[in-house]
């Protein structure tokens, strides 16, 4: 099992393992939620990606080699997310649907905000 230490304390399983597991679990849940709405039921389900972003000069020298691809510094993340081209270079190509109607589009923003319970009105994806 992959473990990590924080300030000398054993913190159990690594954040990378936790975050990637959550992302993997969210994929089918998001797909199910999208099928509930006529405007999204025929669309491709966006991939939920799990990354760990280190801030404040955190050191990832001791991150396991198998997990390094999922760990970025805050500067690296901002650089890789700065533009659509930088995103595709760093994280791979996306379906043409997302080029024509990006996830920042009004439809997607609303549905994803609702799914992730973000914003002033808290709802669960089961509602």
C-alpha atoms as a PDB file:
ATOM      1  CA  UNK A   1       0.000   0.000   0.000  1.00  0.00           C
ATOM      2  CA  UNK A   2       1.240   3.477  -0.854  1.00  0.00           C
ATOM      3  CA  UNK A   3       1.543   5.644   2.277  1.00  0.00           C
ATOM      4  CA  UNK A   4       2.854   9.103   2.949  1.00  0.00           C
ATOM      5  CA  UNK A   5       4.102  11.171   5.858  1.00  0.00           C
ATOM      6  CA  UNK A   6       3.245  14.783   6.662  1.00  0.00           C
ATOM      7  CA  UNK A   7       5.411  16.641   9.191  1.00  0.00           C
ATOM      8  CA  UNK A   8       6.819  13.289  10.252  1.00  0.00           C
ATOM      9  CA  UNK A   9       3.407  11.694  10.891  1.00  0.00           C
ATOM     10  CA  UNK A  10       2.211   8.627   9.009  1.00  0.00           C
ATOM     11  CA  UNK A  11      -0.943   9.772   7.205  1.00  0.00           C
ATOM     12  CA  UNK A  12      -2.126   6.366   5.933  1.00  0.00           C
ATOM     13  CA  UNK A  13      -2.735   6.027   2.190  1.00  0.00           C
ATOM     14  CA  UNK A  14      -1.317   8.579  -0.212  1.00  0.00           C
ATOM     15  CA  UNK A  15      -3.347  11.569  -1.415  1.00  0.00           C
ATOM     16  CA  UNK A  16      -2.712  10.446  -4.999  1.00  0.00           C
ATOM     17  CA  UNK A  17      -4.344   7.086  -4.343  1.00  0.00           C
ATOM     18  CA  UNK A  18      -7.307   8.774  -2.641  1.00  0.00           C
ATOM     19  CA  UNK A  19      -7.806  11.436  -5.327  1.00  0.00           C
ATOM     20  CA  UNK A  20      -7.480   9.068  -8.273  1.00  0.00           C
ATOM     21  CA  UNK A  21      -9.872   6.635  -6.579  1.00  0.00           C
ATOM     22  CA  UNK A  22     -12.445   9.382  -6.068  1.00  0.00           C
ATOM     23  CA  UNK A  23     -12.076  10.490  -9.702  1.00  0.00           C
ATOM     24  CA  UNK A  24     -12.508   6.903 -10.912  1.00  0.00           C
ATOM     25  CA  UNK A  25     -15.639   6.479  -8.761  1.00  0.00           C
ATOM     26  CA  UNK A  26     -17.157   9.770  -9.966  1.00  0.00           C
ATOM     27  CA  UNK A  27     -17.055   8.830 -13.667  1.00  0.00           C
ATOM     28  CA  UNK A  28     -19.983   6.366 -13.610  1.00  0.00           C
ATOM     29  CA  UNK A  29     -21.924   8.548 -11.159  1.00  0.00           C
ATOM     30  CA  UNK A  30     -21.563  11.557 -13.479  1.00  0.00           C
ATOM     31  CA  UNK A  31     -22.606   9.417 -16.469  1.00  0.00           C
ATOM     32  CA  UNK A  32     -25.737   8.312 -14.605  1.00  0.00           C
ATOM     33  CA  UNK A  33     -26.561  11.897 -13.601  1.00  0.00           C
ATOM     34  CA  UNK A  34     -26.165  13.123 -17.197  1.00  0.00           C
ATOM     35  CA  UNK A  35     -28.662  10.543 -18.470  1.00  0.00           C
ATOM     36  CA  UNK A  36     -31.382  12.153 -16.344  1.00  0.00           C
ATOM     37  CA  UNK A  37     -31.491  15.323 -18.444  1.00  0.00           C
ATOM     38  CA  UNK A  38     -32.630  15.497 -22.080  1.00  0.00           C
ATOM     39  CA  UNK A  39     -30.003  18.126 -22.913  1.00  0.00           C
ATOM     40  CA  UNK A  40     -27.083  15.988 -21.665  1.00  0.00           C
ATOM     41  CA  UNK A  41     -28.195  12.370 -22.029  1.00  0.00           C
ATOM     42  CA  UNK A  42     -26.749  12.005 -25.542  1.00  0.00           C
ATOM     43  CA  UNK A  43     -23.519  13.892 -24.821  1.00  0.00           C
ATOM     44  CA  UNK A  44     -20.118  12.387 -24.128  1.00  0.00           C
ATOM     45  CA  UNK A  45     -19.419  12.243 -20.398  1.00  0.00           C
ATOM     46  CA  UNK A  46     -16.476  14.459 -19.412  1.00  0.00           C
ATOM     47  CA  UNK A  47     -13.555  12.582 -17.903  1.00  0.00           C
ATOM     48  CA  UNK A  48     -13.006  13.299 -14.218  1.00  0.00           C
ATOM     49  CA  UNK A  49      -9.260  13.517 -13.627  1.00  0.00           C
ATOM     50  CA  UNK A  50      -7.594  13.185 -10.233  1.00  0.00           C
ATOM     51  CA  UNK A  51      -4.486  15.263  -9.582  1.00  0.00           C
ATOM     52  CA  UNK A  52      -2.630  16.382  -6.477  1.00  0.00           C
ATOM     53  CA  UNK A  53      -1.402  19.976  -6.668  1.00  0.00           C
ATOM     54  CA  UNK A  54       1.354  20.936  -4.239  1.00  0.00           C
ATOM     55  CA  UNK A  55       1.482  24.518  -2.990  1.00  0.00           C
ATOM     56  CA  UNK A  56       3.804  26.706  -0.932  1.00  0.00           C
ATOM     57  CA  UNK A  57       6.942  25.110  -2.321  1.00  0.00           C
ATOM     58  CA  UNK A  58       6.008  21.639  -1.092  1.00  0.00           C
ATOM     59  CA  UNK A  59       8.578  19.011  -1.966  1.00  0.00           C
ATOM     60  CA  UNK A  60       7.600  15.876  -3.823  1.00  0.00           C
ATOM     61  CA  UNK A  61      11.009  14.229  -3.893  1.00  0.00           C
ATOM     62  CA  UNK A  62       9.638  11.330  -1.847  1.00  0.00           C
ATOM     63  CA  UNK A  63       6.550  10.785  -4.008  1.00  0.00           C
ATOM     64  CA  UNK A  64       6.520   7.239  -5.334  1.00  0.00           C
ATOM     65  CA  UNK A  65       7.609   6.965  -8.972  1.00  0.00           C
ATOM     66  CA  UNK A  66       4.293   5.333  -9.885  1.00  0.00           C
ATOM     67  CA  UNK A  67       2.425   8.401  -8.568  1.00  0.00           C
ATOM     68  CA  UNK A  68       4.572  11.242  -9.959  1.00  0.00           C
ATOM     69  CA  UNK A  69       2.461  11.712 -13.098  1.00  0.00           C
ATOM     70  CA  UNK A  70      -0.493  12.670 -10.879  1.00  0.00           C
ATOM     71  CA  UNK A  71       1.437  15.210  -8.758  1.00  0.00           C
ATOM     72  CA  UNK A  72       2.086  18.778  -9.926  1.00  0.00           C
ATOM     73  CA  UNK A  73       3.333  21.944  -8.321  1.00  0.00           C
ATOM     74  CA  UNK A  74       0.904  24.843  -8.348  1.00  0.00           C
ATOM     75  CA  UNK A  75       3.052  26.607 -10.964  1.00  0.00           C
ATOM     76  CA  UNK A  76       3.115  23.536 -13.205  1.00  0.00           C
ATOM     77  CA  UNK A  77      -0.645  23.153 -12.926  1.00  0.00           C
ATOM     78  CA  UNK A  78      -1.322  26.793 -13.838  1.00  0.00           C
ATOM     79  CA  UNK A  79       1.084  26.527 -16.786  1.00  0.00           C
ATOM     80  CA  UNK A  80      -0.559  23.318 -18.034  1.00  0.00           C
ATOM     81  CA  UNK A  81      -4.086  24.712 -17.619  1.00  0.00           C
ATOM     82  CA  UNK A  82      -3.319  28.168 -19.079  1.00  0.00           C
ATOM     83  CA  UNK A  83      -4.801  27.567 -22.524  1.00  0.00           C
ATOM     84  CA  UNK A  84      -6.737  24.880 -24.379  1.00  0.00           C
ATOM     85  CA  UNK A  85      -3.600  23.951 -26.340  1.00  0.00           C
ATOM     86  CA  UNK A  86      -1.501  23.691 -23.166  1.00  0.00           C
ATOM     87  CA  UNK A  87      -4.221  21.533 -21.610  1.00  0.00           C
ATOM     88  CA  UNK A  88      -4.270  19.130 -24.573  1.00  0.00           C
ATOM     89  CA  UNK A  89      -0.482  18.946 -24.614  1.00  0.00           C
ATOM     90  CA  UNK A  90      -0.369  18.120 -20.902  1.00  0.00           C
ATOM     91  CA  UNK A  91      -3.473  15.990 -20.475  1.00  0.00           C
ATOM     92  CA  UNK A  92      -4.287  14.673 -23.947  1.00  0.00           C
ATOM     93  CA  UNK A  93      -6.826  15.453 -26.621  1.00  0.00           C
ATOM     94  CA  UNK A  94     -10.512  15.803 -25.895  1.00  0.00           C
ATOM     95  CA  UNK A  95     -13.601  14.869 -27.871  1.00  0.00           C
ATOM     96  CA  UNK A  96     -14.621  17.365 -30.550  1.00  0.00           C
ATOM     97  CA  UNK A  97     -17.830  17.955 -28.595  1.00  0.00           C
ATOM     98  CA  UNK A  98     -15.790  19.720 -25.878  1.00  0.00           C
ATOM     99  CA  UNK A  99     -14.043  21.920 -28.442  1.00  0.00           C
ATOM    100  CA  UNK A 100     -17.391  23.051 -29.855  1.00  0.00           C
ATOM    101  CA  UNK A 101     -19.104  23.342 -26.479  1.00  0.00           C
ATOM    102  CA  UNK A 102     -16.428  23.687 -23.752  1.00  0.00           C
ATOM    103  CA  UNK A 103     -17.094  22.720 -20.162  1.00  0.00           C
ATOM    104  CA  UNK A 104     -17.096  26.462 -19.398  1.00  0.00           C
ATOM    105  CA  UNK A 105     -20.221  26.832 -21.565  1.00  0.00           C
ATOM    106  CA  UNK A 106     -23.430  27.791 -19.743  1.00  0.00           C
ATOM    107  CA  UNK A 107     -25.059  24.345 -20.122  1.00  0.00           C
ATOM    108  CA  UNK A 108     -22.050  22.468 -18.788  1.00  0.00           C
ATOM    109  CA  UNK A 109     -21.321  24.971 -16.020  1.00  0.00           C
ATOM    110  CA  UNK A 110     -24.841  24.634 -14.683  1.00  0.00           C
ATOM    111  CA  UNK A 111     -24.973  20.852 -14.828  1.00  0.00           C
ATOM    112  CA  UNK A 112     -21.473  20.383 -13.403  1.00  0.00           C
ATOM    113  CA  UNK A 113     -22.088  22.945 -10.651  1.00  0.00           C
ATOM    114  CA  UNK A 114     -25.252  21.053  -9.742  1.00  0.00           C
ATOM    115  CA  UNK A 115     -23.485  17.684  -9.832  1.00  0.00           C
ATOM    116  CA  UNK A 116     -20.550  18.807  -7.700  1.00  0.00           C
ATOM    117  CA  UNK A 117     -22.819  20.756  -5.321  1.00  0.00           C
ATOM    118  CA  UNK A 118     -21.004  24.000  -6.058  1.00  0.00           C
ATOM    119  CA  UNK A 119     -22.519  27.422  -5.759  1.00  0.00           C
ATOM    120  CA  UNK A 120     -24.972  29.149  -3.476  1.00  0.00           C
ATOM    121  CA  UNK A 121     -27.647  26.453  -3.637  1.00  0.00           C
ATOM    122  CA  UNK A 122     -26.422  23.088  -2.412  1.00  0.00           C
ATOM    123  CA  UNK A 123     -28.002  20.036  -4.059  1.00  0.00           C
ATOM    124  CA  UNK A 124     -26.910  16.467  -4.427  1.00  0.00           C
ATOM    125  CA  UNK A 125     -26.610  14.682  -7.756  1.00  0.00           C
ATOM    126  CA  UNK A 126     -29.431  12.358  -6.646  1.00  0.00           C
ATOM    127  CA  UNK A 127     -31.992  15.176  -6.543  1.00  0.00           C
END
